[in-house]
Amino acid sequence: MKTLPKVSLTLITANKKTADSGMLPGHIAGFNSYDECHIDLRPLANFAQAQLYINRVVALDLENNKVVCATDLR
């Protein structure tokens, strides 16, 4: 996998982990634990060379091309 020139990735999410949709039925049935079927987003973002912000998007400022988060990231 190669990075694209002049492209930077940013992931903004309220959660540090996300469910692996393929393992979720096993978790609901009791076969898999929470940790077994959830992905830690930090290593995934690092692998993708993406910035990760644990925050919540509350609005889009289309005039200024900005994402507005619940907590100011500055």
PDB file of N, CA and C in Angstrom:
ATOM      1  N   MET A   1       0.849  -1.177   0.000  1.00  0.00           N
ATOM      2  CA  MET A   1       0.000   0.000   0.000  1.00  0.00           C
ATOM      3  C   MET A   1       0.891   1.235   0.000  1.00  0.00           C
ATOM      4  N   LYS A   2       0.569   2.146  -0.862  1.00  0.00           N
ATOM      5  CA  LYS A   2       1.342   3.373  -0.965  1.00  0.00           C
ATOM      6  C   LYS A   2       0.473   4.555  -0.583  1.00  0.00           C
ATOM      7  N   THR A   3       1.083   5.528   0.071  1.00  0.00           N
ATOM      8  CA  THR A   3       0.365   6.757   0.383  1.00  0.00           C
ATOM      9  C   THR A   3       0.209   7.578  -0.893  1.00  0.00           C
ATOM     10  N   LEU A   4      -0.833   8.386  -0.919  1.00  0.00           N
ATOM     11  CA  LEU A   4      -1.064   9.261  -2.057  1.00  0.00           C
ATOM     12  C   LEU A   4      -0.374  10.596  -1.811  1.00  0.00           C
ATOM     13  N   PRO A   5       0.307  11.125  -2.804  1.00  0.00           N
ATOM     14  CA  PRO A   5       0.975  12.409  -2.612  1.00  0.00           C
ATOM     15  C   PRO A   5      -0.036  13.512  -2.315  1.00  0.00           C
ATOM     16  N   LYS A   6       0.341  14.394  -1.410  1.00  0.00           N
ATOM     17  CA  LYS A   6      -0.470  15.551  -1.025  1.00  0.00           C
ATOM     18  C   LYS A   6      -1.813  15.184  -0.392  1.00  0.00           C
ATOM     19  N   VAL A   7      -1.940  13.964   0.123  1.00  0.00           N
ATOM     20  CA  VAL A   7      -3.169  13.539   0.790  1.00  0.00           C
ATOM     21  C   VAL A   7      -2.839  13.186   2.231  1.00  0.00           C
ATOM     22  N   SER A   8      -3.570  13.792   3.145  1.00  0.00           N
ATOM     23  CA  SER A   8      -3.411  13.423   4.551  1.00  0.00           C
ATOM     24  C   SER A   8      -4.767  12.940   5.074  1.00  0.00           C
ATOM     25  N   LEU A   9      -4.725  11.913   5.894  1.00  0.00           N
ATOM     26  CA  LEU A   9      -5.940  11.318   6.442  1.00  0.00           C
ATOM     27  C   LEU A   9      -6.125  11.738   7.888  1.00  0.00           C
ATOM     28  N   THR A  10      -7.359  12.023   8.241  1.00  0.00           N
ATOM     29  CA  THR A  10      -7.709  12.344   9.616  1.00  0.00           C
ATOM     30  C   THR A  10      -8.947  11.551   9.988  1.00  0.00           C
ATOM     31  N   LEU A  11      -8.887  10.875  11.113  1.00  0.00           N
ATOM     32  CA  LEU A  11     -10.039  10.136  11.637  1.00  0.00           C
ATOM     33  C   LEU A  11     -10.481  10.813  12.917  1.00  0.00           C
ATOM     34  N   ILE A  12     -11.725  11.259  12.947  1.00  0.00           N
ATOM     35  CA  ILE A  12     -12.309  11.845  14.151  1.00  0.00           C
ATOM     36  C   ILE A  12     -13.405  10.903  14.599  1.00  0.00           C
ATOM     37  N   THR A  13     -13.292  10.415  15.815  1.00  0.00           N
ATOM     38  CA  THR A  13     -14.258   9.466  16.344  1.00  0.00           C
ATOM     39  C   THR A  13     -14.420   9.678  17.840  1.00  0.00           C
ATOM     40  N   ALA A  14     -15.601   9.411  18.333  1.00  0.00           N
ATOM     41  CA  ALA A  14     -15.856   9.541  19.763  1.00  0.00           C
ATOM     42  C   ALA A  14     -15.363   8.315  20.531  1.00  0.00           C
ATOM     43  N   ASN A  15     -15.021   7.257  19.806  1.00  0.00           N
ATOM     44  CA  ASN A  15     -14.644   5.990  20.444  1.00  0.00           C
ATOM     45  C   ASN A  15     -13.217   5.601  20.126  1.00  0.00           C
ATOM     46  N   LYS A  16     -12.530   5.035  21.107  1.00  0.00           N
ATOM     47  CA  LYS A  16     -11.159   4.560  20.897  1.00  0.00           C
ATOM     48  C   LYS A  16     -11.137   3.208  20.205  1.00  0.00           C
ATOM     49  N   LYS A  17     -12.246   2.508  20.262  1.00  0.00           N
ATOM     50  CA  LYS A  17     -12.361   1.193  19.625  1.00  0.00           C
ATOM     51  C   LYS A  17     -13.618   1.170  18.777  1.00  0.00           C
ATOM     52  N   THR A  18     -13.619   0.299  17.761  1.00  0.00           N
ATOM     53  CA  THR A  18     -14.799   0.102  16.935  1.00  0.00           C
ATOM     54  C   THR A  18     -15.017  -1.388  16.740  1.00  0.00           C
ATOM     55  N   ALA A  19     -16.265  -1.757  16.553  1.00  0.00           N
ATOM     56  CA  ALA A  19     -16.599  -3.173  16.416  1.00  0.00           C
ATOM     57  C   ALA A  19     -16.178  -3.705  15.053  1.00  0.00           C
ATOM     58  N   ASP A  20     -15.694  -4.930  15.040  1.00  0.00           N
ATOM     59  CA  ASP A  20     -15.447  -5.665  13.802  1.00  0.00           C
ATOM     60  C   ASP A  20     -16.787  -6.287  13.428  1.00  0.00           C
ATOM     61  N   SER A  21     -17.422  -5.775  12.391  1.00  0.00           N
ATOM     62  CA  SER A  21     -18.786  -6.204  12.058  1.00  0.00           C
ATOM     63  C   SER A  21     -18.889  -7.701  11.780  1.00  0.00           C
ATOM     64  N   GLY A  22     -17.812  -8.308  11.324  1.00  0.00           N
ATOM     65  CA  GLY A  22     -17.833  -9.738  11.062  1.00  0.00           C
ATOM     66  C   GLY A  22     -17.859 -10.583  12.324  1.00  0.00           C
ATOM     67  N   MET A  23     -17.369 -10.028  13.434  1.00  0.00           N
ATOM     68  CA  MET A  23     -17.337 -10.778  14.692  1.00  0.00           C
ATOM     69  C   MET A  23     -18.478 -10.414  15.626  1.00  0.00           C
ATOM     70  N   LEU A  24     -19.245  -9.387  15.283  1.00  0.00           N
ATOM     71  CA  LEU A  24     -20.318  -8.934  16.156  1.00  0.00           C
ATOM     72  C   LEU A  24     -21.375 -10.005  16.435  1.00  0.00           C
ATOM     73  N   PRO A  25     -21.805 -10.790  15.450  1.00  0.00           N
ATOM     74  CA  PRO A  25     -22.777 -11.847  15.759  1.00  0.00           C
ATOM     75  C   PRO A  25     -22.257 -12.846  16.803  1.00  0.00           C
ATOM     76  N   GLY A  26     -20.968 -13.153  16.738  1.00  0.00           N
ATOM     77  CA  GLY A  26     -20.371 -14.046  17.729  1.00  0.00           C
ATOM     78  C   GLY A  26     -20.370 -13.440  19.117  1.00  0.00           C
ATOM     79  N   HIS A  27     -20.189 -12.129  19.191  1.00  0.00           N
ATOM     80  CA  HIS A  27     -20.229 -11.437  20.487  1.00  0.00           C
ATOM     81  C   HIS A  27     -21.643 -11.451  21.051  1.00  0.00           C
ATOM     82  N   ILE A  28     -22.612 -11.161  20.194  1.00  0.00           N
ATOM     83  CA  ILE A  28     -24.012 -11.163  20.644  1.00  0.00           C
ATOM     84  C   ILE A  28     -24.422 -12.553  21.112  1.00  0.00           C
ATOM     85  N   ALA A  29     -23.932 -13.587  20.432  1.00  0.00           N
ATOM     86  CA  ALA A  29     -24.251 -14.967  20.815  1.00  0.00           C
ATOM     87  C   ALA A  29     -23.461 -15.434  22.030  1.00  0.00           C
ATOM     88  N   GLY A  30     -22.478 -14.637  22.461  1.00  0.00           N
ATOM     89  CA  GLY A  30     -21.700 -14.994  23.638  1.00  0.00           C
ATOM     90  C   GLY A  30     -20.442 -15.792  23.352  1.00  0.00           C
ATOM     91  N   PHE A  31     -20.080 -15.944  22.086  1.00  0.00           N
ATOM     92  CA  PHE A  31     -18.892 -16.719  21.729  1.00  0.00           C
ATOM     93  C   PHE A  31     -17.604 -15.901  21.817  1.00  0.00           C
ATOM     94  N   ASN A  32     -17.701 -14.594  21.618  1.00  0.00           N
ATOM     95  CA  ASN A  32     -16.527 -13.733  21.615  1.00  0.00           C
ATOM     96  C   ASN A  32     -16.683 -12.629  22.654  1.00  0.00           C
ATOM     97  N   SER A  33     -15.577 -12.269  23.288  1.00  0.00           N
ATOM     98  CA  SER A  33     -15.599 -11.186  24.268  1.00  0.00           C
ATOM     99  C   SER A  33     -15.600  -9.835  23.559  1.00  0.00           C
ATOM    100  N   TYR A  34     -15.835  -8.788  24.326  1.00  0.00           N
ATOM    101  CA  TYR A  34     -15.798  -7.423  23.792  1.00  0.00           C
ATOM    102  C   TYR A  34     -14.445  -7.146  23.150  1.00  0.00           C
ATOM    103  N   ASP A  35     -13.370  -7.480  23.848  1.00  0.00           N
ATOM    104  CA  ASP A  35     -12.028  -7.202  23.331  1.00  0.00           C
ATOM    105  C   ASP A  35     -11.713  -7.999  22.069  1.00  0.00           C
ATOM    106  N   GLU A  36     -12.259  -9.192  21.944  1.00  0.00           N
ATOM    107  CA  GLU A  36     -12.002 -10.006  20.756  1.00  0.00           C
ATOM    108  C   GLU A  36     -12.657  -9.438  19.496  1.00  0.00           C
ATOM    109  N   CYS A  37     -13.751  -8.721  19.654  1.00  0.00           N
ATOM    110  CA  CYS A  37     -14.460  -8.256  18.462  1.00  0.00           C
ATOM    111  C   CYS A  37     -14.437  -6.737  18.288  1.00  0.00           C
ATOM    112  N   HIS A  38     -13.559  -6.058  19.029  1.00  0.00           N
ATOM    113  CA  HIS A  38     -13.400  -4.615  18.851  1.00  0.00           C
ATOM    114  C   HIS A  38     -11.956  -4.300  18.461  1.00  0.00           C
ATOM    115  N   ILE A  39     -11.813  -3.351  17.559  1.00  0.00           N
ATOM    116  CA  ILE A  39     -10.513  -2.967  17.018  1.00  0.00           C
ATOM    117  C   ILE A  39     -10.062  -1.676  17.684  1.00  0.00           C
ATOM    118  N   ASP A  40      -8.832  -1.658  18.198  1.00  0.00           N
ATOM    119  CA  ASP A  40      -8.240  -0.448  18.752  1.00  0.00           C
ATOM    120  C   ASP A  40      -7.853   0.448  17.569  1.00  0.00           C
ATOM    121  N   LEU A  41      -8.399   1.657  17.534  1.00  0.00           N
ATOM    122  CA  LEU A  41      -8.195   2.527  16.379  1.00  0.00           C
ATOM    123  C   LEU A  41      -6.820   3.186  16.320  1.00  0.00           C
ATOM    124  N   ARG A  42      -6.113   3.266  17.444  1.00  0.00           N
ATOM    125  CA  ARG A  42      -4.789   3.907  17.402  1.00  0.00           C
ATOM    126  C   ARG A  42      -3.805   3.161  16.500  1.00  0.00           C
ATOM    127  N   PRO A  43      -3.611   1.853  16.679  1.00  0.00           N
ATOM    128  CA  PRO A  43      -2.693   1.152  15.776  1.00  0.00           C
ATOM    129  C   PRO A  43      -3.169   1.174  14.319  1.00  0.00           C
ATOM    130  N   LEU A  44      -4.481   1.127  14.125  1.00  0.00           N
ATOM    131  CA  LEU A  44      -5.016   1.169  12.767  1.00  0.00           C
ATOM    132  C   LEU A  44      -4.716   2.514  12.111  1.00  0.00           C
ATOM    133  N   ALA A  45      -4.920   3.604  12.840  1.00  0.00           N
ATOM    134  CA  ALA A  45      -4.614   4.940  12.315  1.00  0.00           C
ATOM    135  C   ALA A  45      -3.112   5.088  12.049  1.00  0.00           C
ATOM    136  N   ASN A  46      -2.291   4.582  12.962  1.00  0.00           N
ATOM    137  CA  ASN A  46      -0.835   4.636  12.758  1.00  0.00           C
ATOM    138  C   ASN A  46      -0.435   3.889  11.490  1.00  0.00           C
ATOM    139  N   PHE A  47      -1.010   2.708  11.296  1.00  0.00           N
ATOM    140  CA  PHE A  47      -0.706   1.911  10.104  1.00  0.00           C
ATOM    141  C   PHE A  47      -1.097   2.667   8.832  1.00  0.00           C
ATOM    142  N   ALA A  48      -2.228   3.362   8.872  1.00  0.00           N
ATOM    143  CA  ALA A  48      -2.717   4.118   7.714  1.00  0.00           C
ATOM    144  C   ALA A  48      -2.060   5.489   7.600  1.00  0.00           C
ATOM    145  N   GLN A  49      -1.156   5.791   8.534  1.00  0.00           N
ATOM    146  CA  GLN A  49      -0.494   7.096   8.592  1.00  0.00           C
ATOM    147  C   GLN A  49      -1.526   8.218   8.664  1.00  0.00           C
ATOM    148  N   ALA A  50      -2.545   7.996   9.500  1.00  0.00           N
ATOM    149  CA  ALA A  50      -3.627   8.964   9.679  1.00  0.00           C
ATOM    150  C   ALA A  50      -3.532   9.609  11.056  1.00  0.00           C
ATOM    151  N   GLN A  51      -3.989  10.848  11.143  1.00  0.00           N
ATOM    152  CA  GLN A  51      -4.118  11.512  12.439  1.00  0.00           C
ATOM    153  C   GLN A  51      -5.408  10.996  13.077  1.00  0.00           C
ATOM    154  N   LEU A  52      -5.368  10.699  14.357  1.00  0.00           N
ATOM    155  CA  LEU A  52      -6.549  10.220  15.080  1.00  0.00           C
ATOM    156  C   LEU A  52      -6.899  11.218  16.166  1.00  0.00           C
ATOM    157  N   TYR A  53      -8.133  11.671  16.163  1.00  0.00           N
ATOM    158  CA  TYR A  53      -8.635  12.566  17.206  1.00  0.00           C
ATOM    159  C   TYR A  53      -9.845  11.914  17.855  1.00  0.00           C
ATOM    160  N   ILE A  54      -9.744  11.714  19.164  1.00  0.00           N
ATOM    161  CA  ILE A  54     -10.884  11.188  19.912  1.00  0.00           C
ATOM    162  C   ILE A  54     -11.724  12.406  20.292  1.00  0.00           C
ATOM    163  N   ASN A  55     -12.810  12.580  19.575  1.00  0.00           N
ATOM    164  CA  ASN A  55     -13.656  13.755  19.730  1.00  0.00           C
ATOM    165  C   ASN A  55     -14.991  13.440  19.068  1.00  0.00           C
ATOM    166  N   ARG A  56     -15.880  14.400  19.081  1.00  0.00           N
ATOM    167  CA  ARG A  56     -17.191  14.219  18.459  1.00  0.00           C
ATOM    168  C   ARG A  56     -17.436  15.387  17.508  1.00  0.00           C
ATOM    169  N   VAL A  57     -17.750  15.066  16.254  1.00  0.00           N
ATOM    170  CA  VAL A  57     -18.058  16.098  15.266  1.00  0.00           C
ATOM    171  C   VAL A  57     -19.471  16.602  15.540  1.00  0.00           C
ATOM    172  N   VAL A  58     -19.615  17.932  15.622  1.00  0.00           N
ATOM    173  CA  VAL A  58     -20.934  18.517  15.895  1.00  0.00           C
ATOM    174  C   VAL A  58     -21.459  19.341  14.721  1.00  0.00           C
ATOM    175  N   ALA A  59     -20.592  19.719  13.802  1.00  0.00           N
ATOM    176  CA  ALA A  59     -21.033  20.516  12.652  1.00  0.00           C
ATOM    177  C   ALA A  59     -19.950  20.546  11.586  1.00  0.00           C
ATOM    178  N   LEU A  60     -20.354  20.937  10.397  1.00  0.00           N
ATOM    179  CA  LEU A  60     -19.432  21.185   9.300  1.00  0.00           C
ATOM    180  C   LEU A  60     -19.557  22.645   8.913  1.00  0.00           C
ATOM    181  N   ASP A  61     -18.437  23.334   8.843  1.00  0.00           N
ATOM    182  CA  ASP A  61     -18.382  24.721   8.399  1.00  0.00           C
ATOM    183  C   ASP A  61     -17.969  24.686   6.934  1.00  0.00           C
ATOM    184  N   LEU A  62     -18.953  24.624   6.045  1.00  0.00           N
ATOM    185  CA  LEU A  62     -18.675  24.460   4.621  1.00  0.00           C
ATOM    186  C   LEU A  62     -18.054  25.698   3.999  1.00  0.00           C
ATOM    187  N   GLU A  63     -18.357  26.859   4.526  1.00  0.00           N
ATOM    188  CA  GLU A  63     -17.791  28.089   3.976  1.00  0.00           C
ATOM    189  C   GLU A  63     -16.285  28.162   4.202  1.00  0.00           C
ATOM    190  N   ASN A  64     -15.825  27.630   5.340  1.00  0.00           N
ATOM    191  CA  ASN A  64     -14.401  27.684   5.686  1.00  0.00           C
ATOM    192  C   ASN A  64     -13.708  26.332   5.584  1.00  0.00           C
ATOM    193  N   ASN A  65     -14.411  25.319   5.063  1.00  0.00           N
ATOM    194  CA  ASN A  65     -13.857  23.965   4.917  1.00  0.00           C
ATOM    195  C   ASN A  65     -13.299  23.433   6.238  1.00  0.00           C
ATOM    196  N   LYS A  66     -14.120  23.501   7.279  1.00  0.00           N
ATOM    197  CA  LYS A  66     -13.686  23.045   8.605  1.00  0.00           C
ATOM    198  C   LYS A  66     -14.701  22.086   9.206  1.00  0.00           C
ATOM    199  N   VAL A  67     -14.173  21.224  10.043  1.00  0.00           N
ATOM    200  CA  VAL A  67     -15.000  20.331  10.847  1.00  0.00           C
ATOM    201  C   VAL A  67     -15.032  20.912  12.251  1.00  0.00           C
ATOM    202  N   VAL A  68     -16.219  21.045  12.805  1.00  0.00           N
ATOM    203  CA  VAL A  68     -16.375  21.594  14.156  1.00  0.00           C
ATOM    204  C   VAL A  68     -16.587  20.427  15.118  1.00  0.00           C
ATOM    205  N   CYS A  69     -15.716  20.362  16.137  1.00  0.00           N
ATOM    206  CA  CYS A  69     -15.791  19.269  17.110  1.00  0.00           C
ATOM    207  C   CYS A  69     -16.345  19.761  18.443  1.00  0.00           C
ATOM    208  N   ALA A  70     -16.777  18.830  19.257  1.00  0.00           N
ATOM    209  CA  ALA A  70     -17.329  19.157  20.570  1.00  0.00           C
ATOM    210  C   ALA A  70     -16.281  19.820  21.446  1.00  0.00           C
ATOM    211  N   THR A  71     -15.031  19.355  21.344  1.00  0.00           N
ATOM    212  CA  THR A  71     -13.922  19.924  22.095  1.00  0.00           C
ATOM    213  C   THR A  71     -12.969  20.550  21.102  1.00  0.00           C
ATOM    214  N   ASP A  72     -12.612  21.811  21.319  1.00  0.00           N
ATOM    215  CA  ASP A  72     -11.701  22.496  20.424  1.00  0.00           C
ATOM    216  C   ASP A  72     -10.343  21.800  20.450  1.00  0.00           C
ATOM    217  N   LEU A  73      -9.813  21.451  19.290  1.00  0.00           N
ATOM    218  CA  LEU A  73      -8.556  20.700  19.198  1.00  0.00           C
ATOM    219  C   LEU A  73      -7.319  21.593  19.168  1.00  0.00           C
ATOM    220  N   ARG A  74      -7.494  22.882  19.173  1.00  0.00           N
ATOM    221  CA  ARG A  74      -6.335  23.775  19.095  1.00  0.00           C
ATOM    222  C   ARG A  74      -5.554  23.793  20.330  1.00  0.00           C
TER     223      ARG A  74
END
